[in-house]
Amino acid sequence: MQSEPITKPMISLDVLGKMVRTLSTEQLAKLPVEKLPESVPDIIYTIGTPEKNAILEDLLIKRDSERMHRQVNDRETYGKDVADAFYLAESNELPPLVIEFTREVQSLSEMITAKTGDTDGKITEKTAGLKLLLSRLNASPVLTAEQVLMRVRADKRLAVCEKRMARALRRLEDKLAPASLALARYQELRVKLAHGEMAALRKRFKKEAAQQEILQEEIDQLNLQLQEGSKFLARALGKYHSSGHYAETQEQIKQLIARKRMTEVLIDDQDLVDWLDAIVDASLADVQQQGVHASRMLLLSLLELYCRQQEESALQIAQNPFSQIDPKKAINFILASEQFILDYFAKKQEQSASLFRTTATNRRERLGVIMEGLVRELKRNLRKLKI
C-alpha cells in the first residue's frame, strides 16, 4: 500500500545538505520520500559521496514515481480536476505567486515606513502592481485546487478518503498561509494610504471653505439684486434702459462663479471608488476594525461633500443659465450618496470570490452586511457632517 502524503514539514535544502554530509548511506536511504524538497540543485550532489548521491537520486525517482502513479489512479477514479488538485496539494513546492505577493507586500510596507516626497509615485506603482498580483493569486492553481477539493469533499456521491482529503486541504492551507498573512497586511496598508489621501483632501476642503462661502454669498446677493432690480427697472424705465445694468450684474456673477470654480476642491469619483474599495476589502479580510471605522467615517464625509458639490453645481447652473457651463454635462454628474454606495456594491457583488476559502455565497452575504452598515452610518451622520 502506498504511503499517504503528510502535511508538514518538508526537509529544507539546508537540512538536506547537512543530512547528505553527516548521515550514513543506510540512514540516508530511510528518509521519507514525501518530505524531500520538490527540486534538488546540483550543489547538493557536491557535498556527499557518489554512493550517497545515488541513494538521493533513487529517493527522488521513487517519490516522483509514486506521485505519478497516484495521479494516474486519481484521474481514473475522480477525473482530471481532482487528480490535479491532489497532485498540487501533495507537492512540497510553495507557489511562486505566494512568494512574489508576500515579497511585494513587504516592499510596500517598507516604502510607506520610509516615505518621503519622492516615493509617492513608487508607492502608487507598487500598489497597482500588488492589485494585479492579487487578482492573479485569486485565479491561481493552488486556490482552484482548494476549491475543487472542498467541493468534492461536500459531494457525498464521491467516496474519497477523508484522511487524505483533510491532509490535502491542510497542505493547501499551509501553502497559502504566507499569502494570508501578507493579504491582511496589504489591506491594512491600503486603508492607511487611503486614509492619508482622504485626510489631505478634507484638509484642503476646510482651507478653501471660508473663501467658497464668501464667494457664494456674493453670488447669492447679486442674484437677489438681479431678480429684484430688473423687475423694478423694467417697470420704471422699460426693458431697453434696464438691459445695461442687467448685463453688468450677469457679468459680475459669471466672474464670481469662475473664481469660485477656480478655488473649488474637486473630488474625483474614481478616487471615491478606490477608497471605498480599500475599506470594503479590509472589512472582508477582518482587518483591525478601529482603523477601518475611522477611515470609513472620513470617506462618508467626503462622499456627502461630493454629492453636495454636484447638487450645488447643478443649482448654480439652474439659477444662472448664462454662466457658460454645459448644464446637461454637469447635471449628469449628480448622484445621491446612498445610490453611490448601492451602485458600487452592485458591481462588487459581480466579482469572483475573494481569496482563501471565501465562497461566492459567503462573500455576497458579507458584502451585504458591510453595505447595510455603510448606508446606515451614512444616514445617521448625514446631518452631522460638516466641512
Protein backbone atom coordinates (compact mmCIF):
# COMPACT_ATOMS: atom_id res chain seq x y z
CA MET A 1 0.00 0.00 0.00
CA GLN A 2 1.31 3.42 -0.93
CA SER A 3 2.17 5.81 1.87
CA GLU A 4 -0.16 8.76 2.42
CA PRO A 5 1.32 12.22 1.94
CA ILE A 6 1.96 14.05 5.19
CA THR A 7 1.01 17.65 5.82
CA LYS A 8 4.23 19.19 7.13
CA PRO A 9 7.07 19.90 7.41
CA MET A 10 9.27 19.08 4.45
CA ILE A 11 13.05 18.84 4.57
CA SER A 12 14.64 22.15 3.61
CA LEU A 13 17.60 22.28 1.22
CA ASP A 14 19.90 23.38 4.06
CA VAL A 15 18.85 20.46 6.23
CA LEU A 16 19.13 18.06 3.30
CA GLY A 17 22.70 19.23 2.68
CA LYS A 18 23.60 18.54 6.32
CA MET A 19 21.98 15.11 6.12
CA VAL A 20 23.92 14.20 2.99
CA ARG A 21 27.10 15.27 4.76
CA THR A 22 26.53 13.57 8.13
CA LEU A 23 24.18 10.59 7.68
CA SER A 24 25.37 7.15 6.66
CA THR A 25 24.16 5.63 3.40
CA GLU A 26 21.81 3.35 5.36
CA GLN A 27 20.31 6.30 7.26
CA LEU A 28 20.00 8.37 4.10
CA ALA A 29 18.12 5.56 2.34
CA LYS A 30 15.47 5.62 5.08
CA LEU A 31 14.47 9.28 4.51
CA PRO A 32 10.72 9.63 3.84
CA VAL A 33 10.39 10.46 0.16
CA GLU A 34 7.32 12.66 0.70
CA LYS A 35 9.45 15.04 2.79
CA LEU A 36 12.10 15.65 0.16
CA PRO A 37 12.33 19.11 -1.47
CA GLU A 38 10.49 19.48 -4.74
CA SER A 39 13.70 20.13 -6.65
CA VAL A 40 17.27 19.49 -5.56
CA PRO A 41 20.00 21.75 -7.00
CA ASP A 42 23.25 20.34 -8.34
CA ILE A 43 25.23 21.84 -5.47
CA ILE A 44 23.75 19.21 -3.10
CA TYR A 45 25.48 16.49 -5.12
CA THR A 46 28.88 18.10 -4.48
CA ILE A 47 28.51 17.51 -0.75
CA GLY A 48 28.18 13.74 -0.48
CA THR A 49 29.94 10.71 -1.84
CA PRO A 50 28.91 9.09 -5.16
CA GLU A 51 27.12 6.38 -3.12
CA LYS A 52 25.09 8.96 -1.21
CA ASN A 53 24.29 10.85 -4.40
CA ALA A 54 22.99 7.65 -5.99
CA ILE A 55 20.77 7.00 -2.95
CA LEU A 56 19.42 10.56 -3.10
CA GLU A 57 18.62 10.18 -6.81
CA ASP A 58 16.87 6.88 -6.15
CA LEU A 59 14.76 8.52 -3.43
CA LEU A 60 13.70 11.36 -5.74
CA ILE A 61 12.86 8.91 -8.54
CA LYS A 62 10.81 6.82 -6.12
CA ARG A 63 8.99 9.92 -4.86
CA ASP A 64 8.15 11.09 -8.39
CA SER A 65 7.13 7.59 -9.48
CA GLU A 66 4.77 7.17 -6.53
CA ARG A 67 3.28 10.57 -7.13
CA MET A 68 2.77 9.92 -10.84
CA HIS A 69 1.19 6.55 -10.16
CA ARG A 70 -1.14 8.13 -7.61
CA GLN A 71 -2.10 10.84 -10.08
CA VAL A 72 -2.97 8.27 -12.77
CA ASN A 73 -5.16 6.40 -10.30
CA ASP A 74 -6.82 9.65 -9.21
CA ARG A 75 -7.62 10.59 -12.80
CA GLU A 76 -9.25 7.23 -13.42
CA THR A 77 -11.20 7.41 -10.16
CA TYR A 78 -12.11 11.10 -9.73
CA GLY A 79 -11.27 12.85 -13.01
CA LYS A 80 -8.57 15.29 -14.08
CA ASP A 81 -9.57 18.29 -11.92
CA VAL A 82 -9.50 16.33 -8.66
CA ALA A 83 -6.31 14.47 -9.65
CA ASP A 84 -4.54 17.76 -10.43
CA ALA A 85 -5.78 19.24 -7.16
CA PHE A 86 -4.38 16.34 -5.13
CA TYR A 87 -1.11 16.45 -7.07
CA LEU A 88 -0.66 20.14 -6.30
CA ALA A 89 -1.63 19.69 -2.65
CA GLU A 90 0.80 16.81 -2.13
CA SER A 91 3.78 18.57 -3.70
CA ASN A 92 6.29 20.33 -1.45
CA GLU A 93 6.63 23.46 -3.57
CA LEU A 94 5.48 26.85 -2.33
CA PRO A 95 3.57 28.58 -5.17
CA PRO A 96 5.75 31.25 -6.83
CA LEU A 97 2.85 33.73 -6.77
CA VAL A 98 2.60 33.38 -2.99
CA ILE A 99 6.30 34.12 -2.66
CA GLU A 100 6.08 37.12 -5.01
CA PHE A 101 2.98 38.57 -3.36
CA THR A 102 4.48 38.22 0.11
CA ARG A 103 7.71 39.87 -1.00
CA GLU A 104 5.93 42.77 -2.72
CA VAL A 105 3.72 43.48 0.30
CA GLN A 106 6.84 43.65 2.49
CA SER A 107 8.41 46.02 -0.04
CA LEU A 108 5.33 48.28 0.03
CA SER A 109 5.35 48.28 3.83
CA GLU A 110 9.00 49.37 3.87
CA MET A 111 8.28 52.11 1.32
CA ILE A 112 5.45 53.52 3.42
CA THR A 113 7.52 53.37 6.62
CA ALA A 114 10.37 55.30 5.00
CA LYS A 115 8.04 57.53 2.97
CA THR A 116 9.39 60.76 1.52
CA GLY A 117 8.05 63.13 -1.12
CA ASP A 118 9.96 61.25 -3.79
CA THR A 119 8.37 57.88 -3.02
CA ASP A 120 4.72 58.77 -3.70
CA GLY A 121 4.93 57.72 -7.34
CA LYS A 122 6.71 54.48 -6.44
CA ILE A 123 4.07 53.67 -3.82
CA THR A 124 1.30 54.22 -6.36
CA GLU A 125 3.10 51.98 -8.85
CA LYS A 126 3.72 49.29 -6.22
CA THR A 127 0.08 49.36 -5.11
CA ALA A 128 -1.13 48.94 -8.68
CA GLY A 129 1.24 46.00 -9.15
CA LEU A 130 0.00 44.35 -5.95
CA LYS A 131 -3.60 44.71 -7.06
CA LEU A 132 -2.74 42.83 -10.25
CA LEU A 133 -0.80 40.20 -8.31
CA LEU A 134 -3.75 39.64 -6.01
CA SER A 135 -6.10 39.09 -8.93
CA ARG A 136 -3.66 36.53 -10.34
CA LEU A 137 -3.40 34.86 -6.94
CA ASN A 138 -7.20 34.65 -6.76
CA ALA A 139 -7.13 32.74 -10.05
CA SER A 140 -4.03 30.66 -9.21
CA PRO A 141 -3.98 26.83 -9.45
CA VAL A 142 -3.44 26.44 -5.70
CA LEU A 143 -6.65 28.31 -4.90
CA THR A 144 -8.50 26.44 -7.63
CA ALA A 145 -7.23 23.16 -6.17
CA GLU A 146 -8.54 24.11 -2.74
CA GLN A 147 -11.96 24.99 -4.16
CA VAL A 148 -12.10 21.72 -6.14
CA LEU A 149 -11.26 19.58 -3.11
CA MET A 150 -13.73 21.41 -0.88
CA ARG A 151 -16.45 20.85 -3.47
CA VAL A 152 -15.57 17.16 -3.79
CA ARG A 153 -15.48 16.79 -0.03
CA ALA A 154 -19.04 18.12 0.19
CA ASP A 155 -20.25 15.77 -2.55
CA LYS A 156 -21.37 12.61 -0.78
CA ARG A 157 -21.60 10.71 -4.07
CA LEU A 158 -17.80 10.54 -4.34
CA ALA A 159 -16.05 8.17 -1.95
CA VAL A 160 -12.81 10.00 -1.23
CA CYS A 161 -10.54 9.02 1.64
CA GLU A 162 -11.41 11.57 4.33
CA LYS A 163 -7.97 11.30 5.89
CA ARG A 164 -6.26 12.05 2.62
CA MET A 165 -8.70 14.86 1.83
CA ALA A 166 -8.14 16.52 5.22
CA ARG A 167 -4.37 16.31 4.76
CA ALA A 168 -4.53 17.73 1.25
CA LEU A 169 -6.64 20.68 2.37
CA ARG A 170 -4.30 21.35 5.29
CA ARG A 171 -1.33 21.29 2.94
CA LEU A 172 -3.04 23.78 0.62
CA GLU A 173 -3.83 25.96 3.60
CA ASP A 174 -0.15 25.78 4.60
CA LYS A 175 0.85 26.84 1.09
CA LEU A 176 -1.48 29.84 1.24
CA ALA A 177 -0.58 30.80 4.83
CA PRO A 178 2.19 33.30 3.90
CA ALA A 179 -0.13 34.97 1.40
CA SER A 180 -2.93 35.06 4.01
CA LEU A 181 -0.69 36.99 6.40
CA ALA A 182 0.55 39.22 3.59
CA LEU A 183 -3.03 39.87 2.45
CA ALA A 184 -4.06 41.14 5.89
CA ARG A 185 -1.02 43.43 5.94
CA TYR A 186 -1.73 44.61 2.39
CA GLN A 187 -5.31 45.55 3.33
CA GLU A 188 -4.04 47.48 6.35
CA LEU A 189 -1.61 49.37 4.12
CA ARG A 190 -4.32 50.16 1.56
CA VAL A 191 -6.56 51.62 4.27
CA LYS A 192 -3.64 53.60 5.70
CA LEU A 193 -2.83 55.08 2.29
CA ALA A 194 -6.50 55.80 1.57
CA HIS A 195 -6.91 57.47 4.97
CA GLY A 196 -3.92 59.72 4.31
CA GLU A 197 -5.25 60.76 0.90
CA MET A 198 -8.74 61.41 2.26
CA ALA A 199 -7.42 63.39 5.25
CA ALA A 200 -5.31 65.58 2.95
CA LEU A 201 -8.32 66.26 0.73
CA ARG A 202 -10.52 67.04 3.74
CA LYS A 203 -7.88 69.47 4.97
CA ARG A 204 -7.94 71.26 1.60
CA PHE A 205 -11.72 71.45 1.82
CA LYS A 206 -11.53 73.13 5.21
CA LYS A 207 -8.90 75.56 3.96
CA GLU A 208 -10.99 76.69 1.00
CA ALA A 209 -14.40 76.51 2.71
CA ALA A 210 -14.37 80.07 4.07
CA GLN A 211 -13.46 81.60 0.70
CA GLN A 212 -16.07 79.45 -1.04
CA GLU A 213 -18.77 80.66 1.38
CA ILE A 214 -17.82 84.31 0.86
CA LEU A 215 -17.97 83.97 -2.91
CA GLN A 216 -21.29 82.12 -2.72
CA GLU A 217 -22.78 84.84 -0.52
CA GLU A 218 -21.72 87.47 -3.09
CA ILE A 219 -23.25 85.39 -5.89
CA ASP A 220 -26.50 84.97 -3.95
CA GLN A 221 -26.64 88.69 -3.17
CA LEU A 222 -26.14 89.62 -6.82
CA ASN A 223 -28.75 87.10 -7.86
CA LEU A 224 -31.18 88.70 -5.46
CA GLN A 225 -30.34 92.16 -6.80
CA LEU A 226 -30.72 90.84 -10.33
CA GLN A 227 -34.18 89.47 -9.62
CA GLU A 228 -35.48 92.46 -7.67
CA GLY A 229 -33.73 95.26 -9.56
CA SER A 230 -34.57 94.02 -13.02
CA LYS A 231 -38.27 93.86 -12.20
CA PHE A 232 -38.26 97.41 -10.79
CA LEU A 233 -36.25 98.93 -13.64
CA ALA A 234 -38.26 97.09 -16.23
CA ARG A 235 -41.44 98.61 -14.84
CA ALA A 236 -39.99 102.09 -14.29
CA LEU A 237 -37.77 102.60 -17.35
CA GLY A 238 -38.65 99.84 -19.76
CA LYS A 239 -36.61 96.89 -20.95
CA TYR A 240 -34.26 98.94 -23.14
CA HIS A 241 -32.99 101.16 -20.28
CA SER A 242 -32.64 98.32 -17.74
CA SER A 243 -30.75 95.92 -20.01
CA GLY A 244 -27.33 97.52 -19.39
CA HIS A 245 -27.50 97.13 -15.64
CA TYR A 246 -28.86 93.61 -16.05
CA ALA A 247 -25.96 92.58 -18.32
CA GLU A 248 -23.42 94.15 -15.96
CA THR A 249 -24.78 92.19 -12.98
CA GLN A 250 -24.76 88.99 -15.02
CA GLU A 251 -21.10 89.57 -15.87
CA GLN A 252 -20.26 90.06 -12.19
CA ILE A 253 -21.99 86.80 -11.34
CA LYS A 254 -20.14 84.96 -14.13
CA GLN A 255 -16.81 86.28 -12.84
CA LEU A 256 -17.62 85.25 -9.27
CA ILE A 257 -18.69 81.77 -10.41
CA ALA A 258 -15.40 81.44 -12.32
CA ARG A 259 -13.44 82.48 -9.22
CA LYS A 260 -15.41 80.04 -7.10
CA ARG A 261 -14.72 77.19 -9.50
CA MET A 262 -11.01 78.02 -9.53
CA THR A 263 -10.79 77.69 -5.74
CA GLU A 264 -13.11 74.69 -5.57
CA VAL A 265 -11.56 71.45 -4.26
CA LEU A 266 -12.87 68.76 -6.57
CA ILE A 267 -13.43 65.15 -5.52
CA ASP A 268 -12.77 62.57 -8.20
CA ASP A 269 -15.43 59.85 -8.32
CA GLN A 270 -12.80 57.21 -9.16
CA ASP A 271 -10.87 58.20 -6.02
CA LEU A 272 -14.06 57.64 -4.03
CA VAL A 273 -14.41 54.17 -5.57
CA ASP A 274 -10.77 53.32 -4.81
CA TRP A 275 -11.08 54.45 -1.19
CA LEU A 276 -14.35 52.59 -0.74
CA ASP A 277 -12.76 49.51 -2.28
CA ALA A 278 -9.85 49.63 0.18
CA ILE A 279 -12.23 49.92 3.14
CA VAL A 280 -14.59 47.18 1.94
CA ASP A 281 -11.76 44.74 1.14
CA ALA A 282 -10.23 45.41 4.55
CA SER A 283 -13.60 44.69 6.16
CA LEU A 284 -13.86 41.44 4.21
CA ALA A 285 -10.38 40.48 5.40
CA ASP A 286 -11.26 41.32 9.04
CA VAL A 287 -8.54 43.94 9.30
CA GLN A 288 -8.36 45.89 12.59
CA GLN A 289 -11.78 47.48 12.84
CA GLN A 290 -10.73 50.63 14.70
CA GLY A 291 -8.62 51.94 11.83
CA VAL A 292 -11.16 50.83 9.25
CA HIS A 293 -14.01 52.54 11.11
CA ALA A 294 -12.15 55.88 11.25
CA SER A 295 -11.41 55.70 7.53
CA ARG A 296 -14.99 54.70 6.77
CA MET A 297 -16.37 57.77 8.58
CA LEU A 298 -13.89 60.01 6.77
CA LEU A 299 -14.96 58.51 3.45
CA LEU A 300 -18.65 59.04 4.23
CA SER A 301 -17.99 62.70 4.99
CA LEU A 302 -16.20 63.13 1.67
CA LEU A 303 -18.96 61.27 -0.13
CA GLU A 304 -21.53 63.65 1.33
CA LEU A 305 -19.39 66.62 0.31
CA TYR A 306 -19.02 65.16 -3.18
CA CYS A 307 -22.77 64.83 -3.62
CA ARG A 308 -23.40 68.27 -2.11
CA GLN A 309 -20.81 69.66 -4.51
CA GLN A 310 -22.62 68.18 -7.50
CA GLU A 311 -26.00 69.42 -6.28
CA GLU A 312 -24.69 72.94 -5.71
CA SER A 313 -23.12 72.92 -9.16
CA ALA A 314 -26.44 71.95 -10.73
CA LEU A 315 -28.27 74.57 -8.66
CA GLN A 316 -25.78 77.21 -9.75
CA ILE A 317 -26.49 76.34 -13.36
CA ALA A 318 -30.24 76.42 -12.83
CA GLN A 319 -30.04 79.84 -11.19
CA ASN A 320 -27.54 81.21 -13.69
CA PRO A 321 -28.14 79.65 -17.13
CA PHE A 322 -25.89 82.34 -18.61
CA SER A 323 -22.81 81.01 -16.72
CA GLN A 324 -21.43 79.25 -19.85
CA ILE A 325 -21.32 75.83 -18.17
CA ASP A 326 -22.90 72.93 -20.02
CA PRO A 327 -25.99 72.20 -17.86
CA LYS A 328 -26.52 68.70 -19.25
CA LYS A 329 -22.93 67.67 -18.58
CA ALA A 330 -22.96 69.00 -15.00
CA ILE A 331 -26.36 67.64 -14.08
CA ASN A 332 -25.37 64.18 -15.34
CA PHE A 333 -22.78 64.07 -12.55
CA ILE A 334 -25.38 64.43 -9.81
CA LEU A 335 -25.83 61.30 -7.72
CA ALA A 336 -27.15 60.64 -4.24
CA SER A 337 -24.60 59.43 -1.72
CA GLU A 338 -26.66 56.38 -0.86
CA GLN A 339 -27.06 55.47 -4.53
CA PHE A 340 -23.31 55.78 -4.98
CA ILE A 341 -22.81 53.09 -2.33
CA LEU A 342 -25.54 50.86 -3.75
CA ASP A 343 -24.12 51.10 -7.28
CA TYR A 344 -20.64 50.27 -6.00
CA PHE A 345 -21.83 47.16 -4.18
CA ALA A 346 -23.88 46.03 -7.16
CA LYS A 347 -20.64 45.90 -9.18
CA LYS A 348 -18.67 44.43 -6.27
CA GLN A 349 -21.12 41.55 -5.99
CA GLU A 350 -20.38 40.56 -9.59
CA GLN A 351 -16.70 39.95 -8.86
CA SER A 352 -15.40 36.46 -8.13
CA ALA A 353 -14.99 35.11 -4.61
CA SER A 354 -12.21 36.70 -2.59
CA LEU A 355 -9.04 34.94 -1.56
CA PHE A 356 -8.69 31.99 0.81
CA ARG A 357 -11.75 29.87 1.44
CA THR A 358 -14.33 32.62 0.99
CA THR A 359 -17.04 31.13 -1.18
CA ALA A 360 -19.05 33.29 -3.54
CA THR A 361 -22.16 32.87 -1.35
CA ASN A 362 -20.30 33.80 1.83
CA ARG A 363 -18.72 36.77 0.10
CA ARG A 364 -22.11 38.07 -1.09
CA GLU A 365 -23.52 37.76 2.42
CA ARG A 366 -20.60 39.64 3.96
CA LEU A 367 -20.74 42.33 1.30
CA GLY A 368 -24.45 42.74 2.04
CA VAL A 369 -23.75 43.23 5.75
CA ILE A 370 -21.00 45.78 5.01
CA MET A 371 -23.22 47.66 2.55
CA GLU A 372 -26.10 47.86 5.03
CA GLY A 373 -23.72 49.12 7.71
CA LEU A 374 -22.32 51.84 5.45
CA VAL A 375 -25.77 53.06 4.37
CA ARG A 376 -26.95 53.05 8.00
CA GLU A 377 -23.92 55.07 9.12
CA LEU A 378 -24.35 57.46 6.22
CA LYS A 379 -27.99 58.17 7.10
CA ARG A 380 -27.17 58.53 10.80
CA ASN A 381 -24.39 61.06 10.17
CA LEU A 382 -25.80 62.82 7.13
CA ARG A 383 -26.91 65.93 9.03
CA LYS A 384 -23.86 65.96 11.30
CA LEU A 385 -21.22 66.07 8.56
CA LYS A 386 -19.55 69.45 8.22
CA ILE A 387 -16.73 70.71 6.08
